[in-house]
Amino acid sequence: MGWHEARERASPIRFEVFVREQRVPAEIELDDMDAKCLHALAFHQEKAVGTGRLLPDGHIGRMAVLKPYRGKGVGAAMLERLIEAARARGDREVALSAQVHAVPFYRAHGFVEEGAEYEEAGIVHQAMRRVL
């Protein structure tokens, strides 16, 4: 879905996970790329509990799941939907910037590390890629 449809439900999830929990500066959490992305939302009953986005260049980002719903397959389902969307539009690969604690999660979904770890928004990340 587009940002105009996702914003109301995705923004609070991203602020909870990235700004409140991880201390990412609020001013960099939402960006001008949101309007250009395909967004995924995950629901438990009728409550939005997770979100992620697929950028026009094939990058997946802003994957966030509310704490009570982690470890229950929510992130995996969203990731697979975003990968399917990339494949459907003809992308040959997808890439992402994983927080290092999440590398095993992405590895389990076919992503491979590229290059050295680096810091972004005060958090150590690892570039990863998956051929479709």
C-alpha atoms as a PDB file:
ATOM      1  CA  MET A   1       0.000   0.000   0.000  1.00  0.00           C
ATOM      2  CA  GLY A   2       1.039   3.589  -0.469  1.00  0.00           C
ATOM      3  CA  TRP A   3       2.143   5.938   2.301  1.00  0.00           C
ATOM      4  CA  HIS A   4      -1.142   7.874   2.234  1.00  0.00           C
ATOM      5  CA  GLU A   5      -2.871   4.602   3.242  1.00  0.00           C
ATOM      6  CA  ALA A   6      -0.191   3.341   5.650  1.00  0.00           C
ATOM      7  CA  ARG A   7       0.962   6.500   7.425  1.00  0.00           C
ATOM      8  CA  GLU A   8      -1.692   6.664  10.141  1.00  0.00           C
ATOM      9  CA  ARG A   9      -0.948   3.108  11.308  1.00  0.00           C
ATOM     10  CA  ALA A  10       2.737   2.747  10.398  1.00  0.00           C
ATOM     11  CA  SER A  11       4.034   5.991  11.953  1.00  0.00           C
ATOM     12  CA  PRO A  12       3.119   5.128  15.571  1.00  0.00           C
ATOM     13  CA  ILE A  13       4.785   1.705  15.247  1.00  0.00           C
ATOM     14  CA  ARG A  14       7.975   3.209  13.838  1.00  0.00           C
ATOM     15  CA  PHE A  15       8.091   5.887  16.530  1.00  0.00           C
ATOM     16  CA  GLU A  16       7.556   3.320  19.291  1.00  0.00           C
ATOM     17  CA  VAL A  17      10.264   0.960  18.026  1.00  0.00           C
ATOM     18  CA  PHE A  18      12.853   3.309  16.565  1.00  0.00           C
ATOM     19  CA  VAL A  19      12.451   6.570  18.496  1.00  0.00           C
ATOM     20  CA  ARG A  20      11.279   5.399  21.929  1.00  0.00           C
ATOM     21  CA  GLU A  21      13.008   2.017  22.210  1.00  0.00           C
ATOM     22  CA  GLN A  22      16.134   2.541  20.125  1.00  0.00           C
ATOM     23  CA  ARG A  23      16.598   6.285  20.618  1.00  0.00           C
ATOM     24  CA  VAL A  24      16.782   7.115  16.903  1.00  0.00           C
ATOM     25  CA  PRO A  25      16.340  10.890  16.539  1.00  0.00           C
ATOM     26  CA  ALA A  26      12.675  11.615  15.745  1.00  0.00           C
ATOM     27  CA  GLU A  27      13.618  14.082  13.020  1.00  0.00           C
ATOM     28  CA  ILE A  28      15.229  11.348  10.887  1.00  0.00           C
ATOM     29  CA  GLU A  29      12.632   8.622  11.388  1.00  0.00           C
ATOM     30  CA  LEU A  30      10.159   9.762   8.732  1.00  0.00           C
ATOM     31  CA  ASP A  31      11.688  10.839   5.438  1.00  0.00           C
ATOM     32  CA  ASP A  32      10.742  11.915   1.942  1.00  0.00           C
ATOM     33  CA  MET A  33      11.218   8.337   0.690  1.00  0.00           C
ATOM     34  CA  ASP A  34       8.074   7.183   2.503  1.00  0.00           C
ATOM     35  CA  ALA A  35       5.878   8.665  -0.220  1.00  0.00           C
ATOM     36  CA  LYS A  36       7.811   6.700  -2.868  1.00  0.00           C
ATOM     37  CA  CYS A  37       7.701   3.317  -1.112  1.00  0.00           C
ATOM     38  CA  LEU A  38       5.410   0.348  -0.963  1.00  0.00           C
ATOM     39  CA  HIS A  39       4.460  -0.208   2.690  1.00  0.00           C
ATOM     40  CA  ALA A  40       3.495  -3.387   4.510  1.00  0.00           C
ATOM     41  CA  LEU A  41       1.404  -3.491   7.659  1.00  0.00           C
ATOM     42  CA  ALA A  42       0.837  -6.522   9.890  1.00  0.00           C
ATOM     43  CA  PHE A  43      -2.260  -6.805  12.044  1.00  0.00           C
ATOM     44  CA  HIS A  44      -3.264  -8.734  15.128  1.00  0.00           C
ATOM     45  CA  GLN A  45      -7.028  -8.748  15.076  1.00  0.00           C
ATOM     46  CA  GLU A  46      -7.604  -5.176  13.900  1.00  0.00           C
ATOM     47  CA  LYS A  47      -4.562  -3.578  15.541  1.00  0.00           C
ATOM     48  CA  ALA A  48      -1.522  -2.705  13.398  1.00  0.00           C
ATOM     49  CA  VAL A  49       1.476  -4.344  15.098  1.00  0.00           C
ATOM     50  CA  GLY A  50       4.211  -4.246  12.462  1.00  0.00           C
ATOM     51  CA  THR A  51       5.377  -2.325   9.430  1.00  0.00           C
ATOM     52  CA  GLY A  52       8.082  -2.286   6.774  1.00  0.00           C
ATOM     53  CA  ARG A  53       8.724  -0.640   3.429  1.00  0.00           C
ATOM     54  CA  LEU A  54      10.107  -1.436  -0.021  1.00  0.00           C
ATOM     55  CA  LEU A  55      11.955   1.397  -1.707  1.00  0.00           C
ATOM     56  CA  PRO A  56      11.948   1.938  -5.481  1.00  0.00           C
ATOM     57  CA  ASP A  57      15.571   0.718  -5.685  1.00  0.00           C
ATOM     58  CA  GLY A  58      14.771  -2.655  -4.072  1.00  0.00           C
ATOM     59  CA  HIS A  59      15.855  -1.842  -0.531  1.00  0.00           C
ATOM     60  CA  ILE A  60      13.698  -3.069   2.319  1.00  0.00           C
ATOM     61  CA  GLY A  61      13.673  -0.872   5.377  1.00  0.00           C
ATOM     62  CA  ARG A  62      11.956   0.449   8.478  1.00  0.00           C
ATOM     63  CA  MET A  63      11.029  -3.087   9.550  1.00  0.00           C
ATOM     64  CA  ALA A  64       9.447  -2.714  12.984  1.00  0.00           C
ATOM     65  CA  VAL A  65       7.242  -4.942  15.152  1.00  0.00           C
ATOM     66  CA  LEU A  66       5.756  -3.858  18.468  1.00  0.00           C
ATOM     67  CA  LYS A  67       7.445  -5.620  21.391  1.00  0.00           C
ATOM     68  CA  PRO A  68       4.511  -7.856  22.495  1.00  0.00           C
ATOM     69  CA  TYR A  69       4.285  -9.314  18.967  1.00  0.00           C
ATOM     70  CA  ARG A  70       7.969 -10.101  18.356  1.00  0.00           C
ATOM     71  CA  GLY A  71       9.030 -13.701  17.929  1.00  0.00           C
ATOM     72  CA  LYS A  72       5.599 -14.691  16.622  1.00  0.00           C
ATOM     73  CA  GLY A  73       6.230 -14.622  12.871  1.00  0.00           C
ATOM     74  CA  VAL A  74       5.001 -11.084  12.273  1.00  0.00           C
ATOM     75  CA  GLY A  75       8.318  -9.790  10.930  1.00  0.00           C
ATOM     76  CA  ALA A  76       8.832 -12.905   8.813  1.00  0.00           C
ATOM     77  CA  ALA A  77       5.396 -12.552   7.206  1.00  0.00           C
ATOM     78  CA  MET A  78       5.959  -8.861   6.409  1.00  0.00           C
ATOM     79  CA  LEU A  79       9.428  -9.533   5.020  1.00  0.00           C
ATOM     80  CA  GLU A  80       8.133 -12.268   2.730  1.00  0.00           C
ATOM     81  CA  ARG A  81       5.341 -10.002   1.478  1.00  0.00           C
ATOM     82  CA  LEU A  82       7.842  -7.250   0.676  1.00  0.00           C
ATOM     83  CA  ILE A  83      10.095  -9.745  -1.117  1.00  0.00           C
ATOM     84  CA  GLU A  84       7.097 -11.021  -3.104  1.00  0.00           C
ATOM     85  CA  ALA A  85       6.208  -7.439  -4.064  1.00  0.00           C
ATOM     86  CA  ALA A  86       9.770  -6.799  -5.251  1.00  0.00           C
ATOM     87  CA  ARG A  87       9.738  -9.997  -7.296  1.00  0.00           C
ATOM     88  CA  ALA A  88       6.324  -9.157  -8.781  1.00  0.00           C
ATOM     89  CA  ARG A  89       7.498  -5.768 -10.012  1.00  0.00           C
ATOM     90  CA  GLY A  90      10.563  -7.335 -11.623  1.00  0.00           C
ATOM     91  CA  ASP A  91      13.328  -6.607  -9.134  1.00  0.00           C
ATOM     92  CA  ARG A  92      16.222  -9.061  -9.440  1.00  0.00           C
ATOM     93  CA  GLU A  93      17.377  -8.624  -5.849  1.00  0.00           C
ATOM     94  CA  VAL A  94      16.493  -6.965  -2.579  1.00  0.00           C
ATOM     95  CA  ALA A  95      18.867  -5.343  -0.120  1.00  0.00           C
ATOM     96  CA  LEU A  96      18.638  -4.025   3.403  1.00  0.00           C
ATOM     97  CA  SER A  97      20.561  -2.490   6.253  1.00  0.00           C
ATOM     98  CA  ALA A  98      20.126  -4.881   9.188  1.00  0.00           C
ATOM     99  CA  GLN A  99      20.758  -3.986  12.776  1.00  0.00           C
ATOM    100  CA  VAL A 100      23.424  -6.501  13.786  1.00  0.00           C
ATOM    101  CA  HIS A 101      21.167  -8.256  16.307  1.00  0.00           C
ATOM    102  CA  ALA A 102      18.755  -9.010  13.420  1.00  0.00           C
ATOM    103  CA  VAL A 103      21.352 -10.484  11.036  1.00  0.00           C
ATOM    104  CA  PRO A 104      20.420 -14.113  11.914  1.00  0.00           C
ATOM    105  CA  PHE A 105      16.746 -13.327  11.202  1.00  0.00           C
ATOM    106  CA  TYR A 106      17.531 -11.967   7.741  1.00  0.00           C
ATOM    107  CA  ARG A 107      20.062 -14.734   7.062  1.00  0.00           C
ATOM    108  CA  ALA A 108      17.266 -17.258   7.747  1.00  0.00           C
ATOM    109  CA  HIS A 109      15.302 -15.554   4.957  1.00  0.00           C
ATOM    110  CA  GLY A 110      18.063 -15.916   2.376  1.00  0.00           C
ATOM    111  CA  PHE A 111      19.945 -12.655   2.871  1.00  0.00           C
ATOM    112  CA  VAL A 112      23.754 -12.630   2.795  1.00  0.00           C
ATOM    113  CA  GLU A 113      26.030 -10.112   4.519  1.00  0.00           C
ATOM    114  CA  GLU A 114      28.033  -7.686   2.383  1.00  0.00           C
ATOM    115  CA  GLY A 115      31.012  -5.659   3.552  1.00  0.00           C
ATOM    116  CA  ALA A 116      31.890  -4.510   7.033  1.00  0.00           C
ATOM    117  CA  GLU A 117      29.531  -3.464   9.805  1.00  0.00           C
ATOM    118  CA  TYR A 118      28.866   0.274  10.095  1.00  0.00           C
ATOM    119  CA  GLU A 119      27.053   2.699  12.344  1.00  0.00           C
ATOM    120  CA  GLU A 120      23.817   4.426  11.368  1.00  0.00           C
ATOM    121  CA  ALA A 121      21.730   6.559  13.763  1.00  0.00           C
ATOM    122  CA  GLY A 122      23.961   5.359  16.628  1.00  0.00           C
ATOM    123  CA  ILE A 123      23.213   1.660  15.917  1.00  0.00           C
ATOM    124  CA  VAL A 124      25.598  -0.878  14.352  1.00  0.00           C
ATOM    125  CA  HIS A 125      24.262  -2.224  11.033  1.00  0.00           C
ATOM    126  CA  GLN A 126      25.216  -4.790   8.405  1.00  0.00           C
ATOM    127  CA  ALA A 127      24.412  -4.493   4.687  1.00  0.00           C
ATOM    128  CA  MET A 128      22.671  -7.598   3.362  1.00  0.00           C
ATOM    129  CA  ARG A 129      21.359  -8.715  -0.021  1.00  0.00           C
ATOM    130  CA  ARG A 130      19.166 -11.470  -1.442  1.00  0.00           C
ATOM    131  CA  VAL A 131      18.978 -12.475  -5.098  1.00  0.00           C
ATOM    132  CA  LEU A 132      15.415 -13.130  -6.214  1.00  0.00           C
END
